[in-house]
């Protein structure tokens, strides 16, 4: 499975929904905020500050 993700340049860190990113988008769109996840880590995990080590992610997120 990881080979297919690498070929497709998918990242398990940056290509999944994050409450922090979703909250920012909801604020920008003027929507009511969605409830945070029960897990403290999941509620505050910001993929924008995580270096996953994939070279294509660094170039794609710029």
PDB file of N, CA and C in Angstrom:
ATOM      1  N   UNK A   1       0.821  -1.201   0.000  1.00  0.00           N
ATOM      2  CA  UNK A   1       0.000   0.000   0.000  1.00  0.00           C
ATOM      3  C   UNK A   1       0.862   1.261   0.000  1.00  0.00           C
ATOM      4  N   UNK A   2       1.973   1.271   0.725  1.00  0.00           N
ATOM      5  CA  UNK A   2       2.803   2.467   0.776  1.00  0.00           C
ATOM      6  C   UNK A   2       3.417   2.773  -0.585  1.00  0.00           C
ATOM      7  N   UNK A   3       3.688   1.734  -1.393  1.00  0.00           N
ATOM      8  CA  UNK A   3       4.217   1.957  -2.732  1.00  0.00           C
ATOM      9  C   UNK A   3       3.198   2.714  -3.580  1.00  0.00           C
ATOM     10  N   UNK A   4       1.931   2.329  -3.482  1.00  0.00           N
ATOM     11  CA  UNK A   4       0.893   3.024  -4.240  1.00  0.00           C
ATOM     12  C   UNK A   4       0.734   4.464  -3.777  1.00  0.00           C
ATOM     13  N   UNK A   5       0.822   4.705  -2.468  1.00  0.00           N
ATOM     14  CA  UNK A   5       0.759   6.082  -1.967  1.00  0.00           C
ATOM     15  C   UNK A   5       1.938   6.894  -2.472  1.00  0.00           C
ATOM     16  N   UNK A   6       3.120   6.289  -2.507  1.00  0.00           N
ATOM     17  CA  UNK A   6       4.311   6.995  -2.987  1.00  0.00           C
ATOM     18  C   UNK A   6       4.190   7.324  -4.474  1.00  0.00           C
ATOM     19  N   UNK A   7       3.706   6.374  -5.248  1.00  0.00           N
ATOM     20  CA  UNK A   7       3.534   6.611  -6.684  1.00  0.00           C
ATOM     21  C   UNK A   7       2.521   7.736  -6.914  1.00  0.00           C
ATOM     22  N   UNK A   8       1.440   7.726  -6.159  1.00  0.00           N
ATOM     23  CA  UNK A   8       0.404   8.753  -6.306  1.00  0.00           C
ATOM     24  C   UNK A   8       0.765  10.040  -5.576  1.00  0.00           C
ATOM     25  N   UNK A   9       1.902  10.030  -4.852  1.00  0.00           N
ATOM     26  CA  UNK A   9       2.364  11.182  -4.064  1.00  0.00           C
ATOM     27  C   UNK A   9       1.323  11.600  -3.036  1.00  0.00           C
ATOM     28  N   UNK A  10       0.814  10.603  -2.325  1.00  0.00           N
ATOM     29  CA  UNK A  10      -0.135  10.831  -1.241  1.00  0.00           C
ATOM     30  C   UNK A  10       0.609  10.751   0.070  1.00  0.00           C
ATOM     31  N   UNK A  11       0.208  11.513   1.048  1.00  0.00           N
ATOM     32  CA  UNK A  11       0.879  11.567   2.335  1.00  0.00           C
ATOM     33  C   UNK A  11      -0.141  11.313   3.445  1.00  0.00           C
ATOM     34  N   UNK A  12       0.161  10.356   4.294  1.00  0.00           N
ATOM     35  CA  UNK A  12      -0.774  10.026   5.370  1.00  0.00           C
ATOM     36  C   UNK A  12      -0.864  11.148   6.406  1.00  0.00           C
ATOM     37  N   UNK A  13       0.116  12.027   6.454  1.00  0.00           N
ATOM     38  CA  UNK A  13       0.106  13.150   7.398  1.00  0.00           C
ATOM     39  C   UNK A  13      -0.652  14.345   6.838  1.00  0.00           C
ATOM     40  N   UNK A  14      -0.390  14.704   5.601  1.00  0.00           N
ATOM     41  CA  UNK A  14      -0.921  15.942   5.044  1.00  0.00           C
ATOM     42  C   UNK A  14      -2.182  15.789   4.200  1.00  0.00           C
ATOM     43  N   UNK A  15      -2.522  14.577   3.799  1.00  0.00           N
ATOM     44  CA  UNK A  15      -3.680  14.388   2.934  1.00  0.00           C
ATOM     45  C   UNK A  15      -4.907  13.867   3.669  1.00  0.00           C
ATOM     46  N   UNK A  16      -4.927  13.967   4.969  1.00  0.00           N
ATOM     47  CA  UNK A  16      -6.130  13.571   5.709  1.00  0.00           C
ATOM     48  C   UNK A  16      -6.673  14.790   6.448  1.00  0.00           C
ATOM     49  N   UNK A  17      -7.957  14.750   6.693  1.00  0.00           N
ATOM     50  CA  UNK A  17      -8.605  15.899   7.331  1.00  0.00           C
ATOM     51  C   UNK A  17      -8.073  16.128   8.737  1.00  0.00           C
ATOM     52  N   UNK A  18      -7.901  17.381   9.085  1.00  0.00           N
ATOM     53  CA  UNK A  18      -7.443  17.765  10.415  1.00  0.00           C
ATOM     54  C   UNK A  18      -8.429  18.787  10.965  1.00  0.00           C
ATOM     55  N   UNK A  19      -8.739  18.679  12.242  1.00  0.00           N
ATOM     56  CA  UNK A  19      -9.704  19.603  12.841  1.00  0.00           C
ATOM     57  C   UNK A  19      -9.205  21.047  12.760  1.00  0.00           C
ATOM     58  N   UNK A  20      -7.907  21.263  12.920  1.00  0.00           N
ATOM     59  CA  UNK A  20      -7.350  22.615  12.867  1.00  0.00           C
ATOM     60  C   UNK A  20      -7.580  23.232  11.488  1.00  0.00           C
ATOM     61  N   UNK A  21      -7.277  22.484  10.449  1.00  0.00           N
ATOM     62  CA  UNK A  21      -7.450  22.988   9.083  1.00  0.00           C
ATOM     63  C   UNK A  21      -8.930  23.172   8.760  1.00  0.00           C
ATOM     64  N   UNK A  22      -9.745  22.225   9.174  1.00  0.00           N
ATOM     65  CA  UNK A  22     -11.187  22.326   8.943  1.00  0.00           C
ATOM     66  C   UNK A  22     -11.772  23.542   9.659  1.00  0.00           C
ATOM     67  N   UNK A  23     -11.311  23.803  10.878  1.00  0.00           N
ATOM     68  CA  UNK A  23     -11.798  24.972  11.635  1.00  0.00           C
ATOM     69  C   UNK A  23     -11.443  26.274  10.937  1.00  0.00           C
ATOM     70  N   UNK A  24     -10.211  26.352  10.414  1.00  0.00           N
ATOM     71  CA  UNK A  24      -9.801  27.561   9.673  1.00  0.00           C
ATOM     72  C   UNK A  24     -10.693  27.776   8.465  1.00  0.00           C
ATOM     73  N   UNK A  25     -10.967  26.711   7.727  1.00  0.00           N
ATOM     74  CA  UNK A  25     -11.816  26.804   6.542  1.00  0.00           C
ATOM     75  C   UNK A  25     -13.236  27.214   6.916  1.00  0.00           C
ATOM     76  N   UNK A  26     -13.762  26.657   7.985  1.00  0.00           N
ATOM     77  CA  UNK A  26     -15.103  27.029   8.445  1.00  0.00           C
ATOM     78  C   UNK A  26     -15.155  28.513   8.819  1.00  0.00           C
ATOM     79  N   UNK A  27     -14.124  29.020   9.470  1.00  0.00           N
ATOM     80  CA  UNK A  27     -14.086  30.448   9.826  1.00  0.00           C
ATOM     81  C   UNK A  27     -14.044  31.311   8.581  1.00  0.00           C
ATOM     82  N   UNK A  28     -13.211  30.919   7.592  1.00  0.00           N
ATOM     83  CA  UNK A  28     -13.100  31.693   6.361  1.00  0.00           C
ATOM     84  C   UNK A  28     -14.418  31.734   5.597  1.00  0.00           C
ATOM     85  N   UNK A  29     -15.176  30.646   5.677  1.00  0.00           N
ATOM     86  CA  UNK A  29     -16.448  30.571   4.963  1.00  0.00           C
ATOM     87  C   UNK A  29     -17.617  31.121   5.771  1.00  0.00           C
ATOM     88  N   UNK A  30     -17.342  31.510   7.025  1.00  0.00           N
ATOM     89  CA  UNK A  30     -18.384  32.063   7.872  1.00  0.00           C
ATOM     90  C   UNK A  30     -19.360  31.021   8.399  1.00  0.00           C
ATOM     91  N   UNK A  31     -18.904  29.804   8.499  1.00  0.00           N
ATOM     92  CA  UNK A  31     -19.755  28.719   8.984  1.00  0.00           C
ATOM     93  C   UNK A  31     -19.626  28.573  10.493  1.00  0.00           C
ATOM     94  N   UNK A  32     -20.600  27.919  11.093  1.00  0.00           N
ATOM     95  CA  UNK A  32     -20.498  27.587  12.513  1.00  0.00           C
ATOM     96  C   UNK A  32     -19.415  26.530  12.693  1.00  0.00           C
ATOM     97  N   UNK A  33     -18.634  26.643  13.761  1.00  0.00           N
ATOM     98  CA  UNK A  33     -17.562  25.660  13.961  1.00  0.00           C
ATOM     99  C   UNK A  33     -18.106  24.279  14.300  1.00  0.00           C
ATOM    100  N   UNK A  34     -17.444  23.274  13.769  1.00  0.00           N
ATOM    101  CA  UNK A  34     -17.841  21.902  14.084  1.00  0.00           C
ATOM    102  C   UNK A  34     -17.257  21.506  15.433  1.00  0.00           C
ATOM    103  N   UNK A  35     -17.869  20.582  16.114  1.00  0.00           N
ATOM    104  CA  UNK A  35     -17.357  20.173  17.431  1.00  0.00           C
ATOM    105  C   UNK A  35     -15.993  19.494  17.291  1.00  0.00           C
ATOM    106  N   UNK A  36     -15.105  19.720  18.238  1.00  0.00           N
ATOM    107  CA  UNK A  36     -13.774  19.103  18.159  1.00  0.00           C
ATOM    108  C   UNK A  36     -13.847  17.602  18.423  1.00  0.00           C
ATOM    109  N   UNK A  37     -12.865  16.861  17.922  1.00  0.00           N
ATOM    110  CA  UNK A  37     -12.831  15.431  18.209  1.00  0.00           C
ATOM    111  C   UNK A  37     -12.585  15.178  19.697  1.00  0.00           C
ATOM    112  N   UNK A  38     -12.910  14.003  20.157  1.00  0.00           N
ATOM    113  CA  UNK A  38     -12.742  13.667  21.576  1.00  0.00           C
ATOM    114  C   UNK A  38     -11.273  13.608  21.979  1.00  0.00           C
ATOM    115  N   UNK A  39     -10.400  13.246  21.050  1.00  0.00           N
ATOM    116  CA  UNK A  39      -8.974  13.133  21.337  1.00  0.00           C
ATOM    117  C   UNK A  39      -8.318  14.519  21.331  1.00  0.00           C
ATOM    118  N   UNK A  40      -7.591  14.842  22.406  1.00  0.00           N
ATOM    119  CA  UNK A  40      -6.894  16.129  22.492  1.00  0.00           C
ATOM    120  C   UNK A  40      -5.884  16.275  21.361  1.00  0.00           C
ATOM    121  N   UNK A  41      -5.154  15.194  21.088  1.00  0.00           N
ATOM    122  CA  UNK A  41      -4.128  15.235  20.037  1.00  0.00           C
ATOM    123  C   UNK A  41      -4.758  15.513  18.687  1.00  0.00           C
ATOM    124  N   UNK A  42      -5.825  14.802  18.360  1.00  0.00           N
ATOM    125  CA  UNK A  42      -6.493  15.014  17.072  1.00  0.00           C
ATOM    126  C   UNK A  42      -7.104  16.413  16.978  1.00  0.00           C
ATOM    127  N   UNK A  43      -7.557  16.963  18.076  1.00  0.00           N
ATOM    128  CA  UNK A  43      -8.171  18.292  18.070  1.00  0.00           C
ATOM    129  C   UNK A  43      -7.150  19.389  17.809  1.00  0.00           C
ATOM    130  N   UNK A  44      -5.893  19.163  18.160  1.00  0.00           N
ATOM    131  CA  UNK A  44      -4.883  20.224  18.046  1.00  0.00           C
ATOM    132  C   UNK A  44      -3.755  19.900  17.078  1.00  0.00           C
ATOM    133  N   UNK A  45      -3.832  18.787  16.373  1.00  0.00           N
ATOM    134  CA  UNK A  45      -2.790  18.409  15.419  1.00  0.00           C
ATOM    135  C   UNK A  45      -2.879  19.308  14.186  1.00  0.00           C
ATOM    136  N   UNK A  46      -1.772  19.998  13.900  1.00  0.00           N
ATOM    137  CA  UNK A  46      -1.722  20.889  12.741  1.00  0.00           C
ATOM    138  C   UNK A  46      -0.727  20.335  11.728  1.00  0.00           C
ATOM    139  N   UNK A  47      -1.189  19.765  10.623  1.00  0.00           N
ATOM    140  CA  UNK A  47      -0.273  19.171   9.656  1.00  0.00           C
ATOM    141  C   UNK A  47       0.636  20.192   8.982  1.00  0.00           C
ATOM    142  N   UNK A  48       0.289  21.471   9.068  1.00  0.00           N
ATOM    143  CA  UNK A  48       1.113  22.499   8.446  1.00  0.00           C
ATOM    144  C   UNK A  48       2.466  22.679   9.109  1.00  0.00           C
ATOM    145  N   UNK A  49       2.604  22.238  10.338  1.00  0.00           N
ATOM    146  CA  UNK A  49       3.891  22.404  11.032  1.00  0.00           C
ATOM    147  C   UNK A  49       4.635  21.082  11.196  1.00  0.00           C
ATOM    148  N   UNK A  50       4.117  20.015  10.585  1.00  0.00           N
ATOM    149  CA  UNK A  50       4.741  18.698  10.692  1.00  0.00           C
ATOM    150  C   UNK A  50       5.554  18.423   9.434  1.00  0.00           C
ATOM    151  N   UNK A  51       6.803  18.008   9.629  1.00  0.00           N
ATOM    152  CA  UNK A  51       7.647  17.605   8.506  1.00  0.00           C
ATOM    153  C   UNK A  51       7.557  16.089   8.389  1.00  0.00           C
ATOM    154  N   UNK A  52       6.897  15.609   7.351  1.00  0.00           N
ATOM    155  CA  UNK A  52       6.682  14.169   7.191  1.00  0.00           C
ATOM    156  C   UNK A  52       7.881  13.482   6.564  1.00  0.00           C
ATOM    157  N   UNK A  53       8.790  14.240   5.974  1.00  0.00           N
ATOM    158  CA  UNK A  53       9.966  13.660   5.347  1.00  0.00           C
ATOM    159  C   UNK A  53       9.796  13.346   3.870  1.00  0.00           C
ATOM    160  N   UNK A  54       8.607  13.498   3.341  1.00  0.00           N
ATOM    161  CA  UNK A  54       8.375  13.255   1.914  1.00  0.00           C
ATOM    162  C   UNK A  54       8.774  14.491   1.127  1.00  0.00           C
ATOM    163  N   UNK A  55       9.690  14.332   0.177  1.00  0.00           N
ATOM    164  CA  UNK A  55      10.173  15.485  -0.583  1.00  0.00           C
ATOM    165  C   UNK A  55       9.078  16.137  -1.407  1.00  0.00           C
ATOM    166  N   UNK A  56       8.145  15.324  -1.928  1.00  0.00           N
ATOM    167  CA  UNK A  56       7.090  15.913  -2.763  1.00  0.00           C
ATOM    168  C   UNK A  56       6.115  16.760  -1.935  1.00  0.00           C
ATOM    169  N   UNK A  57       5.951  16.456  -0.662  1.00  0.00           N
ATOM    170  CA  UNK A  57       5.046  17.238   0.193  1.00  0.00           C
ATOM    171  C   UNK A  57       5.567  18.658   0.399  1.00  0.00           C
ATOM    172  N   UNK A  58       6.850  18.775   0.627  1.00  0.00           N
ATOM    173  CA  UNK A  58       7.433  20.102   0.849  1.00  0.00           C
ATOM    174  C   UNK A  58       7.230  20.991  -0.364  1.00  0.00           C
ATOM    175  N   UNK A  59       7.379  20.439  -1.550  1.00  0.00           N
ATOM    176  CA  UNK A  59       7.202  21.223  -2.784  1.00  0.00           C
ATOM    177  C   UNK A  59       5.734  21.495  -3.071  1.00  0.00           C
ATOM    178  N   UNK A  60       4.881  20.513  -2.786  1.00  0.00           N
ATOM    179  CA  UNK A  60       3.454  20.661  -3.081  1.00  0.00           C
ATOM    180  C   UNK A  60       2.784  21.679  -2.166  1.00  0.00           C
ATOM    181  N   UNK A  61       3.237  21.791  -0.897  1.00  0.00           N
ATOM    182  CA  UNK A  61       2.568  22.669   0.073  1.00  0.00           C
ATOM    183  C   UNK A  61       3.036  24.114  -0.029  1.00  0.00           C
ATOM    184  N   UNK A  62       4.002  24.412  -0.834  1.00  0.00           N
ATOM    185  CA  UNK A  62       4.485  25.810  -0.961  1.00  0.00           C
ATOM    186  C   UNK A  62       3.582  26.654  -1.780  1.00  0.00           C
TER     187      UNK A  62
END
